[in-house]
Amino acid sequence: MEALTEKQKAVLEFIEDRLDAARPPSQREIARHFGLSQNAVYQLVSYLRRKGYVVNVPGHRGIRLSERYLRHKGRGGVALVGRVAAGEPILAQENIEQYVDIGDFFGRGRDIFLLRVSGDSMVDEGIMDGDIVAVKPAAAVENGQIAVVLLDDEATVKKVYRRRGRIALVPANRSAGYRTIYVKPGRREVRIIGKVVGVLRKL
């Protein structure tokens, strides 16, 4: 890849650090950190983009490392999806927070992706609030398997069962009293995104 100046390197390292912490920086924050004008930061980020180190995605904090640069560093990794927007593919670029190197832990298949969990409805299955689940895309799963399901415009992680023409999304937290969600196809939009194949947790 094309060489960077010292200042460009410093800005790239700052962007990487913030993305590793799941806090994409705005150009104003970059300017404040380095004591530069926003115009100077705009030019620096433009150079990084032209040289193939970063890409822009929609949004105020839309700076991401390019796949080309991640491959160059040997960090191709697995996509960590921070959110799922209604009607958009789950792996659309604008939904990806960062790429995470998980080595060979879940295999090297490029179809694996990661999703950050919010909530405690699956704690009895060892999936805690803030955990990251590894997901293998699939349009269907066997009864009782844990899956990521898109219900209307919201992604949820639940055990999936098919019962008498309905889909049951079953939580796993006995003490909290969560209720099973029953969905009749056609009345609500329900789509299985993939099977949960592992859990990552930062200690």
N, C-alpha and C. Protein backbone atom coordinates (compact mmCIF):
# COMPACT_ATOMS: atom_id res chain seq x y z
N MET A 1 0.85 -1.19 0.00
CA MET A 1 0.00 0.00 0.00
C MET A 1 0.89 1.25 0.00
N GLU A 2 0.30 2.36 -0.48
CA GLU A 2 1.06 3.60 -0.57
C GLU A 2 1.48 4.09 0.82
N ALA A 3 2.72 4.59 0.91
CA ALA A 3 3.27 5.02 2.20
C ALA A 3 2.51 6.23 2.74
N LEU A 4 2.52 6.37 4.08
CA LEU A 4 1.87 7.49 4.75
C LEU A 4 2.91 8.42 5.36
N THR A 5 2.54 9.69 5.49
CA THR A 5 3.38 10.62 6.24
C THR A 5 3.22 10.33 7.73
N GLU A 6 4.09 10.90 8.54
CA GLU A 6 4.00 10.68 9.99
C GLU A 6 2.65 11.15 10.55
N LYS A 7 2.18 12.28 10.07
CA LYS A 7 0.91 12.81 10.56
C LYS A 7 -0.25 11.90 10.13
N GLN A 8 -0.20 11.42 8.89
CA GLN A 8 -1.25 10.50 8.42
C GLN A 8 -1.24 9.21 9.23
N LYS A 9 -0.04 8.71 9.55
CA LYS A 9 0.08 7.50 10.38
C LYS A 9 -0.55 7.72 11.75
N ALA A 10 -0.26 8.89 12.34
CA ALA A 10 -0.78 9.18 13.67
C ALA A 10 -2.31 9.22 13.66
N VAL A 11 -2.89 9.84 12.64
CA VAL A 11 -4.35 9.92 12.54
C VAL A 11 -4.93 8.53 12.32
N LEU A 12 -4.29 7.73 11.47
CA LEU A 12 -4.76 6.37 11.23
C LEU A 12 -4.73 5.54 12.51
N GLU A 13 -3.66 5.65 13.30
CA GLU A 13 -3.56 4.91 14.56
C GLU A 13 -4.66 5.33 15.53
N PHE A 14 -4.95 6.65 15.57
CA PHE A 14 -6.02 7.13 16.45
C PHE A 14 -7.37 6.55 16.02
N ILE A 15 -7.62 6.55 14.71
CA ILE A 15 -8.87 5.98 14.19
C ILE A 15 -8.96 4.49 14.55
N GLU A 16 -7.85 3.76 14.37
CA GLU A 16 -7.84 2.32 14.71
C GLU A 16 -8.14 2.09 16.18
N ASP A 17 -7.51 2.87 17.05
CA ASP A 17 -7.72 2.71 18.49
C ASP A 17 -9.19 2.94 18.85
N ARG A 18 -9.78 3.96 18.26
CA ARG A 18 -11.18 4.25 18.57
C ARG A 18 -12.12 3.16 18.02
N LEU A 19 -11.81 2.65 16.83
CA LEU A 19 -12.64 1.59 16.27
C LEU A 19 -12.50 0.30 17.08
N ASP A 20 -11.29 0.01 17.58
CA ASP A 20 -11.08 -1.16 18.42
C ASP A 20 -11.90 -1.07 19.70
N ALA A 21 -12.12 0.16 20.16
CA ALA A 21 -12.93 0.38 21.36
C ALA A 21 -14.42 0.55 21.03
N ALA A 22 -14.78 0.29 19.75
CA ALA A 22 -16.17 0.41 19.28
C ALA A 22 -16.69 1.84 19.45
N ARG A 23 -15.80 2.84 19.28
CA ARG A 23 -16.20 4.25 19.38
C ARG A 23 -15.67 5.01 18.16
N PRO A 24 -16.27 4.82 16.99
CA PRO A 24 -15.78 5.50 15.80
C PRO A 24 -15.68 7.00 16.03
N PRO A 25 -14.55 7.62 15.67
CA PRO A 25 -14.38 9.06 15.94
C PRO A 25 -15.03 9.92 14.86
N SER A 26 -15.49 11.08 15.25
CA SER A 26 -15.93 12.08 14.28
C SER A 26 -14.70 12.88 13.87
N GLN A 27 -14.79 13.62 12.77
CA GLN A 27 -13.65 14.44 12.35
C GLN A 27 -13.39 15.55 13.37
N ARG A 28 -14.44 16.02 14.03
CA ARG A 28 -14.25 17.05 15.07
C ARG A 28 -13.43 16.49 16.24
N GLU A 29 -13.68 15.24 16.62
CA GLU A 29 -12.91 14.63 17.71
C GLU A 29 -11.45 14.42 17.30
N ILE A 30 -11.23 14.04 16.05
CA ILE A 30 -9.85 13.89 15.57
C ILE A 30 -9.14 15.24 15.63
N ALA A 31 -9.83 16.29 15.18
CA ALA A 31 -9.24 17.63 15.19
C ALA A 31 -8.89 18.06 16.61
N ARG A 32 -9.81 17.80 17.56
CA ARG A 32 -9.57 18.18 18.95
C ARG A 32 -8.39 17.40 19.53
N HIS A 33 -8.30 16.11 19.22
CA HIS A 33 -7.22 15.28 19.77
C HIS A 33 -5.85 15.75 19.31
N PHE A 34 -5.74 16.16 18.05
CA PHE A 34 -4.43 16.54 17.50
C PHE A 34 -4.21 18.05 17.48
N GLY A 35 -5.19 18.82 17.93
CA GLY A 35 -5.04 20.27 17.92
C GLY A 35 -4.99 20.84 16.52
N LEU A 36 -5.78 20.25 15.61
CA LEU A 36 -5.79 20.68 14.21
C LEU A 36 -7.15 21.30 13.87
N SER A 37 -7.18 22.03 12.76
CA SER A 37 -8.46 22.54 12.27
C SER A 37 -9.24 21.40 11.62
N GLN A 38 -10.55 21.55 11.56
CA GLN A 38 -11.35 20.51 10.92
C GLN A 38 -11.04 20.38 9.44
N ASN A 39 -10.65 21.49 8.81
CA ASN A 39 -10.27 21.44 7.41
C ASN A 39 -9.01 20.59 7.21
N ALA A 40 -8.05 20.74 8.13
CA ALA A 40 -6.82 19.95 8.05
C ALA A 40 -7.12 18.46 8.23
N VAL A 41 -8.04 18.15 9.18
CA VAL A 41 -8.41 16.75 9.41
C VAL A 41 -9.16 16.20 8.20
N TYR A 42 -10.02 17.01 7.60
CA TYR A 42 -10.73 16.58 6.40
C TYR A 42 -9.75 16.18 5.31
N GLN A 43 -8.69 16.97 5.13
CA GLN A 43 -7.68 16.67 4.12
C GLN A 43 -6.91 15.40 4.46
N LEU A 44 -6.54 15.24 5.76
CA LEU A 44 -5.81 14.05 6.18
C LEU A 44 -6.64 12.78 5.96
N VAL A 45 -7.90 12.83 6.35
CA VAL A 45 -8.77 11.66 6.16
C VAL A 45 -8.97 11.38 4.68
N SER A 46 -9.06 12.45 3.88
CA SER A 46 -9.20 12.27 2.42
C SER A 46 -7.98 11.55 1.85
N TYR A 47 -6.78 11.91 2.34
CA TYR A 47 -5.56 11.22 1.89
C TYR A 47 -5.62 9.74 2.27
N LEU A 48 -6.04 9.47 3.51
CA LEU A 48 -6.13 8.07 3.96
C LEU A 48 -7.12 7.30 3.10
N ARG A 49 -8.20 7.95 2.73
CA ARG A 49 -9.20 7.28 1.89
C ARG A 49 -8.65 7.04 0.48
N ARG A 50 -7.99 8.05 -0.09
CA ARG A 50 -7.44 7.91 -1.43
C ARG A 50 -6.35 6.85 -1.49
N LYS A 51 -5.61 6.72 -0.41
CA LYS A 51 -4.53 5.73 -0.37
C LYS A 51 -5.03 4.34 0.02
N GLY A 52 -6.33 4.23 0.27
CA GLY A 52 -6.93 2.92 0.49
C GLY A 52 -6.93 2.41 1.91
N TYR A 53 -6.67 3.29 2.89
CA TYR A 53 -6.61 2.84 4.28
C TYR A 53 -7.96 2.89 4.99
N VAL A 54 -8.79 3.83 4.62
CA VAL A 54 -10.11 3.95 5.26
C VAL A 54 -11.18 4.10 4.18
N VAL A 55 -12.42 3.85 4.60
CA VAL A 55 -13.57 4.09 3.73
C VAL A 55 -14.61 4.86 4.54
N ASN A 56 -15.49 5.50 3.83
CA ASN A 56 -16.59 6.22 4.48
C ASN A 56 -17.88 5.43 4.34
N VAL A 57 -18.66 5.40 5.42
CA VAL A 57 -20.01 4.84 5.37
C VAL A 57 -20.94 5.95 5.84
N PRO A 58 -22.24 5.86 5.53
CA PRO A 58 -23.16 6.93 5.92
C PRO A 58 -23.16 7.17 7.42
N GLY A 59 -23.32 8.42 7.80
CA GLY A 59 -23.43 8.75 9.22
C GLY A 59 -22.36 9.71 9.68
N HIS A 60 -22.61 10.30 10.84
CA HIS A 60 -21.71 11.30 11.43
C HIS A 60 -20.35 10.70 11.77
N ARG A 61 -20.34 9.44 12.20
CA ARG A 61 -19.10 8.77 12.58
C ARG A 61 -18.82 7.64 11.59
N GLY A 62 -18.79 8.01 10.32
CA GLY A 62 -18.74 7.01 9.26
C GLY A 62 -17.37 6.63 8.76
N ILE A 63 -16.34 6.71 9.59
CA ILE A 63 -15.00 6.30 9.17
C ILE A 63 -14.79 4.85 9.57
N ARG A 64 -14.36 4.02 8.63
CA ARG A 64 -14.05 2.61 8.89
C ARG A 64 -12.74 2.25 8.19
N LEU A 65 -12.04 1.26 8.73
CA LEU A 65 -10.84 0.75 8.07
C LEU A 65 -11.27 -0.05 6.83
N SER A 66 -10.52 0.08 5.75
CA SER A 66 -10.87 -0.62 4.52
C SER A 66 -10.50 -2.10 4.64
N GLU A 67 -11.23 -2.93 3.91
CA GLU A 67 -10.90 -4.36 3.89
C GLU A 67 -9.50 -4.57 3.33
N ARG A 68 -9.13 -3.76 2.36
CA ARG A 68 -7.79 -3.87 1.77
C ARG A 68 -6.71 -3.65 2.83
N TYR A 69 -6.88 -2.62 3.67
CA TYR A 69 -5.90 -2.35 4.71
C TYR A 69 -5.90 -3.46 5.77
N LEU A 70 -7.08 -3.95 6.13
CA LEU A 70 -7.15 -5.02 7.12
C LEU A 70 -6.47 -6.28 6.61
N ARG A 71 -6.66 -6.59 5.33
CA ARG A 71 -5.95 -7.75 4.75
C ARG A 71 -4.45 -7.52 4.75
N HIS A 72 -4.05 -6.27 4.44
CA HIS A 72 -2.63 -5.92 4.43
C HIS A 72 -1.99 -6.15 5.80
N LYS A 73 -2.76 -5.88 6.85
CA LYS A 73 -2.26 -6.06 8.21
C LYS A 73 -2.44 -7.49 8.72
N GLY A 74 -3.08 -8.30 7.91
CA GLY A 74 -3.37 -9.66 8.37
C GLY A 74 -4.49 -9.70 9.37
N ARG A 75 -5.38 -8.69 9.29
CA ARG A 75 -6.49 -8.59 10.24
C ARG A 75 -7.83 -8.60 9.51
N GLY A 76 -7.89 -9.39 8.44
CA GLY A 76 -9.14 -9.40 7.69
C GLY A 76 -10.33 -9.59 8.59
N GLY A 77 -10.22 -10.56 9.48
CA GLY A 77 -11.19 -10.70 10.55
C GLY A 77 -12.62 -10.93 10.12
N VAL A 78 -13.48 -10.85 11.09
CA VAL A 78 -14.90 -11.13 10.93
C VAL A 78 -15.66 -9.85 11.24
N ALA A 79 -16.70 -9.59 10.46
CA ALA A 79 -17.47 -8.36 10.63
C ALA A 79 -18.25 -8.38 11.94
N LEU A 80 -18.12 -7.28 12.71
CA LEU A 80 -18.92 -7.09 13.92
C LEU A 80 -20.04 -6.11 13.57
N VAL A 81 -21.27 -6.61 13.59
CA VAL A 81 -22.43 -5.81 13.22
C VAL A 81 -22.96 -5.13 14.47
N GLY A 82 -23.00 -3.81 14.44
CA GLY A 82 -23.44 -3.08 15.62
C GLY A 82 -24.94 -2.90 15.67
N ARG A 83 -25.59 -2.91 14.52
CA ARG A 83 -27.03 -2.71 14.50
C ARG A 83 -27.58 -3.33 13.24
N VAL A 84 -28.87 -3.53 13.22
CA VAL A 84 -29.53 -4.07 12.04
C VAL A 84 -30.65 -3.12 11.66
N ALA A 85 -30.62 -2.58 10.47
CA ALA A 85 -31.64 -1.64 10.03
C ALA A 85 -32.70 -2.35 9.21
N ALA A 86 -33.93 -1.91 9.35
CA ALA A 86 -35.05 -2.56 8.67
C ALA A 86 -34.85 -2.54 7.16
N GLY A 87 -35.04 -3.69 6.55
CA GLY A 87 -35.02 -3.77 5.11
C GLY A 87 -33.63 -3.78 4.50
N GLU A 88 -32.59 -3.74 5.30
CA GLU A 88 -31.24 -3.72 4.76
C GLU A 88 -30.55 -5.04 5.04
N PRO A 89 -29.66 -5.48 4.15
CA PRO A 89 -28.90 -6.71 4.42
C PRO A 89 -28.12 -6.55 5.72
N ILE A 90 -28.06 -7.62 6.49
CA ILE A 90 -27.42 -7.53 7.80
C ILE A 90 -25.94 -7.18 7.70
N LEU A 91 -25.30 -7.53 6.58
CA LEU A 91 -23.88 -7.23 6.43
C LEU A 91 -23.64 -6.05 5.51
N ALA A 92 -24.61 -5.17 5.36
CA ALA A 92 -24.38 -3.94 4.62
C ALA A 92 -23.25 -3.17 5.30
N GLN A 93 -22.38 -2.52 4.51
CA GLN A 93 -21.20 -1.87 5.05
C GLN A 93 -21.52 -0.89 6.17
N GLU A 94 -22.66 -0.16 6.02
CA GLU A 94 -22.98 0.84 7.03
C GLU A 94 -23.38 0.24 8.36
N ASN A 95 -23.66 -1.07 8.40
CA ASN A 95 -24.03 -1.72 9.66
C ASN A 95 -22.83 -2.30 10.39
N ILE A 96 -21.65 -2.29 9.77
CA ILE A 96 -20.47 -2.93 10.35
C ILE A 96 -19.70 -1.95 11.21
N GLU A 97 -19.53 -2.29 12.49
CA GLU A 97 -18.77 -1.45 13.41
C GLU A 97 -17.27 -1.57 13.15
N GLN A 98 -16.78 -2.79 13.01
CA GLN A 98 -15.36 -3.05 12.83
C GLN A 98 -15.19 -4.50 12.39
N TYR A 99 -13.94 -4.87 12.15
CA TYR A 99 -13.61 -6.26 11.84
C TYR A 99 -12.77 -6.81 12.99
N VAL A 100 -13.10 -8.02 13.44
CA VAL A 100 -12.45 -8.61 14.61
C VAL A 100 -11.71 -9.87 14.18
N ASP A 101 -10.43 -9.96 14.57
CA ASP A 101 -9.65 -11.15 14.27
C ASP A 101 -9.90 -12.21 15.34
N ILE A 102 -10.57 -13.29 14.97
CA ILE A 102 -10.85 -14.36 15.94
C ILE A 102 -10.07 -15.62 15.59
N GLY A 103 -9.05 -15.47 14.74
CA GLY A 103 -8.19 -16.59 14.39
C GLY A 103 -8.98 -17.74 13.81
N ASP A 104 -8.67 -18.96 14.25
CA ASP A 104 -9.34 -20.15 13.74
C ASP A 104 -10.42 -20.65 14.69
N PHE A 105 -10.78 -19.82 15.67
CA PHE A 105 -11.64 -20.30 16.75
C PHE A 105 -12.97 -20.83 16.24
N PHE A 106 -13.60 -20.10 15.32
CA PHE A 106 -14.88 -20.55 14.76
C PHE A 106 -14.73 -20.99 13.31
N GLY A 107 -13.50 -21.24 12.89
CA GLY A 107 -13.25 -21.59 11.50
C GLY A 107 -13.00 -20.34 10.68
N ARG A 108 -12.52 -20.55 9.49
CA ARG A 108 -12.14 -19.43 8.64
C ARG A 108 -13.18 -19.07 7.60
N GLY A 109 -14.36 -19.65 7.70
CA GLY A 109 -15.39 -19.35 6.71
C GLY A 109 -15.72 -17.87 6.68
N ARG A 110 -15.77 -17.30 5.49
CA ARG A 110 -16.03 -15.87 5.36
C ARG A 110 -17.48 -15.53 5.67
N ASP A 111 -18.32 -16.56 5.83
CA ASP A 111 -19.73 -16.26 6.05
C ASP A 111 -20.05 -16.01 7.52
N ILE A 112 -19.13 -16.31 8.43
CA ILE A 112 -19.36 -16.03 9.85
C ILE A 112 -19.35 -14.52 10.08
N PHE A 113 -20.29 -14.02 10.90
CA PHE A 113 -20.22 -12.63 11.33
C PHE A 113 -20.51 -12.56 12.82
N LEU A 114 -20.25 -11.41 13.41
CA LEU A 114 -20.44 -11.21 14.85
C LEU A 114 -21.53 -10.19 15.09
N LEU A 115 -22.26 -10.37 16.18
CA LEU A 115 -23.34 -9.46 16.52
C LEU A 115 -23.30 -9.18 18.01
N ARG A 116 -23.36 -7.91 18.37
CA ARG A 116 -23.35 -7.52 19.78
C ARG A 116 -24.74 -7.71 20.39
N VAL A 117 -24.78 -8.36 21.56
CA VAL A 117 -26.06 -8.68 22.21
C VAL A 117 -26.43 -7.59 23.20
N SER A 118 -27.69 -7.21 23.17
CA SER A 118 -28.21 -6.25 24.14
C SER A 118 -29.37 -6.91 24.89
N GLY A 119 -29.26 -6.97 26.22
CA GLY A 119 -30.32 -7.57 27.02
C GLY A 119 -29.90 -8.89 27.64
N ASP A 120 -30.73 -9.37 28.59
CA ASP A 120 -30.36 -10.54 29.38
C ASP A 120 -31.33 -11.71 29.20
N SER A 121 -32.03 -11.75 28.08
CA SER A 121 -33.07 -12.78 27.91
C SER A 121 -32.50 -14.17 27.64
N MET A 122 -31.16 -14.29 27.43
CA MET A 122 -30.58 -15.60 27.10
C MET A 122 -29.48 -16.01 28.09
N VAL A 123 -29.53 -15.48 29.31
CA VAL A 123 -28.44 -15.74 30.26
C VAL A 123 -28.35 -17.21 30.67
N ASP A 124 -29.47 -17.93 30.68
CA ASP A 124 -29.43 -19.34 31.06
C ASP A 124 -28.69 -20.19 30.03
N GLU A 125 -28.49 -19.64 28.84
CA GLU A 125 -27.69 -20.31 27.80
C GLU A 125 -26.28 -19.73 27.74
N GLY A 126 -25.92 -18.93 28.75
CA GLY A 126 -24.56 -18.39 28.81
C GLY A 126 -24.33 -17.19 27.91
N ILE A 127 -25.38 -16.53 27.46
CA ILE A 127 -25.25 -15.34 26.61
C ILE A 127 -25.68 -14.14 27.44
N MET A 128 -24.70 -13.29 27.79
CA MET A 128 -24.95 -12.17 28.69
C MET A 128 -25.08 -10.86 27.92
N ASP A 129 -25.67 -9.86 28.59
CA ASP A 129 -25.77 -8.53 28.02
C ASP A 129 -24.37 -8.01 27.69
N GLY A 130 -24.16 -7.54 26.47
CA GLY A 130 -22.86 -7.03 26.05
C GLY A 130 -21.97 -8.05 25.39
N ASP A 131 -22.33 -9.34 25.47
CA ASP A 131 -21.56 -10.39 24.79
C ASP A 131 -21.64 -10.20 23.27
N ILE A 132 -20.72 -10.85 22.58
CA ILE A 132 -20.74 -10.87 21.12
C ILE A 132 -20.95 -12.32 20.69
N VAL A 133 -21.97 -12.55 19.86
CA VAL A 133 -22.23 -13.90 19.38
C VAL A 133 -21.70 -14.05 17.96
N ALA A 134 -21.13 -15.22 17.69
CA ALA A 134 -20.70 -15.57 16.33
C ALA A 134 -21.87 -16.26 15.64
N VAL A 135 -22.18 -15.81 14.45
CA VAL A 135 -23.38 -16.27 13.75
C VAL A 135 -23.02 -16.80 12.36
N LYS A 136 -23.53 -17.98 12.05
CA LYS A 136 -23.37 -18.53 10.72
C LYS A 136 -24.69 -18.32 9.97
N PRO A 137 -24.67 -17.55 8.87
CA PRO A 137 -25.92 -17.26 8.17
C PRO A 137 -26.67 -18.52 7.76
N ALA A 138 -27.98 -18.50 7.97
CA ALA A 138 -28.84 -19.62 7.60
C ALA A 138 -30.27 -19.12 7.55
N ALA A 139 -31.03 -19.61 6.60
CA ALA A 139 -32.43 -19.20 6.47
C ALA A 139 -33.35 -20.05 7.34
N ALA A 140 -32.80 -21.15 7.90
CA ALA A 140 -33.60 -22.02 8.75
C ALA A 140 -32.67 -22.71 9.75
N VAL A 141 -33.20 -23.06 10.91
CA VAL A 141 -32.44 -23.80 11.91
C VAL A 141 -33.32 -24.91 12.45
N GLU A 142 -32.71 -25.90 13.12
CA GLU A 142 -33.47 -26.99 13.71
C GLU A 142 -34.17 -26.52 14.98
N ASN A 143 -35.24 -27.18 15.34
CA ASN A 143 -35.97 -26.84 16.56
C ASN A 143 -35.04 -26.84 17.77
N GLY A 144 -35.14 -25.77 18.55
CA GLY A 144 -34.36 -25.67 19.77
C GLY A 144 -33.01 -25.02 19.62
N GLN A 145 -32.59 -24.73 18.38
CA GLN A 145 -31.30 -24.08 18.19
C GLN A 145 -31.42 -22.59 18.45
N ILE A 146 -30.31 -22.00 18.90
CA ILE A 146 -30.28 -20.56 19.16
C ILE A 146 -29.96 -19.85 17.85
N ALA A 147 -30.76 -18.85 17.52
CA ALA A 147 -30.59 -18.16 16.25
C ALA A 147 -30.78 -16.66 16.42
N VAL A 148 -30.27 -15.93 15.43
CA VAL A 148 -30.57 -14.50 15.31
C VAL A 148 -31.75 -14.38 14.36
N VAL A 149 -32.79 -13.72 14.85
CA VAL A 149 -34.04 -13.62 14.08
C VAL A 149 -34.37 -12.14 13.90
N LEU A 150 -34.72 -11.79 12.67
CA LEU A 150 -35.18 -10.44 12.39
C LEU A 150 -36.70 -10.44 12.51
N LEU A 151 -37.21 -9.75 13.53
CA LEU A 151 -38.65 -9.69 13.79
C LEU A 151 -39.10 -8.26 13.51
N ASP A 152 -39.85 -8.09 12.41
CA ASP A 152 -40.17 -6.75 11.90
C ASP A 152 -38.84 -6.03 11.65
N ASP A 153 -38.53 -4.99 12.40
CA ASP A 153 -37.28 -4.27 12.14
C ASP A 153 -36.28 -4.42 13.29
N GLU A 154 -36.44 -5.47 14.09
CA GLU A 154 -35.57 -5.66 15.25
C GLU A 154 -34.91 -7.02 15.23
N ALA A 155 -33.62 -7.06 15.55
CA ALA A 155 -32.91 -8.34 15.62
C ALA A 155 -32.96 -8.85 17.05
N THR A 156 -33.22 -10.13 17.22
CA THR A 156 -33.25 -10.72 18.55
C THR A 156 -32.56 -12.08 18.52
N VAL A 157 -32.00 -12.48 19.65
CA VAL A 157 -31.35 -13.78 19.79
C VAL A 157 -32.24 -14.65 20.68
N LYS A 158 -32.74 -15.75 20.15
CA LYS A 158 -33.65 -16.62 20.89
C LYS A 158 -33.51 -18.06 20.42
N LYS A 159 -34.04 -19.00 21.22
CA LYS A 159 -34.23 -20.37 20.74
C LYS A 159 -35.43 -20.37 19.80
N VAL A 160 -35.31 -21.12 18.72
CA VAL A 160 -36.36 -21.11 17.70
C VAL A 160 -37.03 -22.48 17.62
N TYR A 161 -38.36 -22.46 17.67
CA TYR A 161 -39.15 -23.68 17.50
C TYR A 161 -40.27 -23.41 16.49
N ARG A 162 -40.62 -24.42 15.71
CA ARG A 162 -41.79 -24.32 14.83
C ARG A 162 -42.89 -25.18 15.45
N ARG A 163 -44.02 -24.54 15.76
CA ARG A 163 -45.10 -25.23 16.46
C ARG A 163 -46.45 -24.92 15.81
N ARG A 164 -47.06 -25.92 15.17
CA ARG A 164 -48.42 -25.80 14.64
C ARG A 164 -48.60 -24.55 13.78
N GLY A 165 -47.73 -24.39 12.82
CA GLY A 165 -47.86 -23.27 11.89
C GLY A 165 -47.38 -21.95 12.44
N ARG A 166 -46.84 -21.97 13.65
CA ARG A 166 -46.29 -20.74 14.22
C ARG A 166 -44.81 -20.93 14.52
N ILE A 167 -44.10 -19.82 14.62
CA ILE A 167 -42.71 -19.83 15.05
C ILE A 167 -42.67 -19.32 16.48
N ALA A 168 -42.03 -20.07 17.37
CA ALA A 168 -41.89 -19.66 18.77
C ALA A 168 -40.46 -19.21 19.00
N LEU A 169 -40.31 -18.00 19.51
CA LEU A 169 -39.00 -17.45 19.87
C LEU A 169 -38.91 -17.51 21.39
N VAL A 170 -38.11 -18.45 21.88
CA VAL A 170 -38.12 -18.79 23.30
C VAL A 170 -36.90 -18.20 24.01
N PRO A 171 -37.11 -17.40 25.07
CA PRO A 171 -35.99 -16.85 25.83
C PRO A 171 -35.41 -17.90 26.77
N ALA A 172 -34.29 -17.56 27.41
CA ALA A 172 -33.66 -18.47 28.36
C ALA A 172 -33.20 -17.67 29.57
N ASN A 173 -34.17 -17.23 30.36
CA ASN A 173 -33.90 -16.52 31.61
C ASN A 173 -35.09 -16.75 32.52
N ARG A 174 -35.04 -17.87 33.26
CA ARG A 174 -36.18 -18.26 34.09
C ARG A 174 -36.49 -17.22 35.16
N SER A 175 -35.47 -16.64 35.77
CA SER A 175 -35.69 -15.75 36.91
C SER A 175 -36.33 -14.42 36.50
N ALA A 176 -36.15 -14.00 35.25
CA ALA A 176 -36.68 -12.69 34.83
C ALA A 176 -38.10 -12.77 34.28
N GLY A 177 -38.57 -13.97 34.02
CA GLY A 177 -39.95 -14.12 33.58
C GLY A 177 -40.24 -13.66 32.16
N TYR A 178 -39.24 -13.72 31.28
CA TYR A 178 -39.49 -13.36 29.88
C TYR A 178 -40.47 -14.35 29.26
N ARG A 179 -41.33 -13.86 28.38
CA ARG A 179 -42.33 -14.70 27.74
C ARG A 179 -41.89 -15.11 26.34
N THR A 180 -42.34 -16.28 25.94
CA THR A 180 -42.11 -16.74 24.57
C THR A 180 -42.90 -15.86 23.60
N ILE A 181 -42.26 -15.52 22.48
CA ILE A 181 -42.92 -14.74 21.43
C ILE A 181 -43.40 -15.72 20.36
N TYR A 182 -44.71 -15.72 20.09
CA TYR A 182 -45.27 -16.58 19.04
C TYR A 182 -45.57 -15.71 17.81
N VAL A 183 -45.10 -16.17 16.67
CA VAL A 183 -45.28 -15.40 15.44
C VAL A 183 -45.91 -16.28 14.38
N LYS A 184 -46.99 -15.81 13.80
CA LYS A 184 -47.61 -16.52 12.69
C LYS A 184 -47.13 -15.86 11.40
N PRO A 185 -46.39 -16.60 10.57
CA PRO A 185 -45.88 -16.02 9.32
C PRO A 185 -47.01 -15.37 8.53
N GLY A 186 -46.76 -14.16 8.05
CA GLY A 186 -47.77 -13.42 7.30
C GLY A 186 -48.36 -12.29 8.12
N ARG A 187 -48.46 -12.50 9.44
CA ARG A 187 -49.00 -11.43 10.29
C ARG A 187 -47.90 -10.46 10.72
N ARG A 188 -46.71 -10.98 10.95
CA ARG A 188 -45.55 -10.13 11.22
C ARG A 188 -44.40 -10.64 10.36
N GLU A 189 -43.51 -9.73 10.02
CA GLU A 189 -42.35 -10.13 9.22
C GLU A 189 -41.34 -10.81 10.14
N VAL A 190 -41.05 -12.06 9.86
CA VAL A 190 -40.09 -12.80 10.66
C VAL A 190 -39.13 -13.52 9.71
N ARG A 191 -37.84 -13.38 9.99
CA ARG A 191 -36.83 -13.98 9.11
C ARG A 191 -35.65 -14.45 9.94
N ILE A 192 -35.29 -15.70 9.80
CA ILE A 192 -34.10 -16.22 10.48
C ILE A 192 -32.87 -15.74 9.73
N ILE A 193 -31.95 -15.11 10.46
CA ILE A 193 -30.73 -14.57 9.86
C ILE A 193 -29.60 -15.59 9.93
N GLY A 194 -29.50 -16.31 11.05
CA GLY A 194 -28.42 -17.28 11.16
C GLY A 194 -28.41 -17.99 12.49
N LYS A 195 -27.61 -19.03 12.54
CA LYS A 195 -27.46 -19.86 13.74
C LYS A 195 -26.30 -19.36 14.59
N VAL A 196 -26.52 -19.24 15.90
CA VAL A 196 -25.46 -18.83 16.81
C VAL A 196 -24.52 -20.02 17.03
N VAL A 197 -23.23 -19.83 16.73
CA VAL A 197 -22.26 -20.91 16.83
C VAL A 197 -21.20 -20.67 17.91
N GLY A 198 -21.26 -19.52 18.58
CA GLY A 198 -20.29 -19.27 19.64
C GLY A 198 -20.53 -17.92 20.30
N VAL A 199 -19.87 -17.71 21.43
CA VAL A 199 -20.03 -16.47 22.20
C VAL A 199 -18.64 -15.94 22.57
N LEU A 200 -18.45 -14.63 22.41
CA LEU A 200 -17.22 -13.97 22.82
C LEU A 200 -17.55 -13.01 23.95
N ARG A 201 -16.66 -12.94 24.95
CA ARG A 201 -16.88 -12.04 26.08
C ARG A 201 -15.56 -11.42 26.50
N LYS A 202 -15.58 -10.10 26.68
CA LYS A 202 -14.38 -9.42 27.16
C LYS A 202 -14.37 -9.42 28.68
N LEU A 203 -13.30 -9.95 29.29
CA LEU A 203 -13.20 -10.05 30.74
C LEU A 203 -12.42 -8.89 31.30
